[in-house]
Amino acid sequence: MTDEKPVRSERALPQMQPVQSSNIKAVGHDGKDLFVQFHSGATWRYAEVPKATFDEMRAHHSVGSYFAKFIRPNHAAECVSTPPPEAA
């Protein structure tokens, strides 16, 4: 089970690479963890995702499906950035 906590981190994001997905805007990997930016604007860090898993996800015909099946349920997560509030 995933331990998703909406906690901000001061850690710098790796270079993010755009992907084709209805839910995920871009992904990045820092050699240890996976970073996922959603179309909502929030970016989450998924702990200890191997680089090979990151590469498999990027190559998969459905990045979002791969993420939902193999990453989200198996890796601890924390929110590292949220979208700015919309102007009123």
Foldseek 3Di string as FASTA:
>chain_A
DEAEDADADPDDDDDWDAADAPFWGTWDDDQAWIWTQTPQGWIKIWGGDHPVLVVCLRPDPHNVVSCVPPGRVPTYMYTHDGDDDDDD
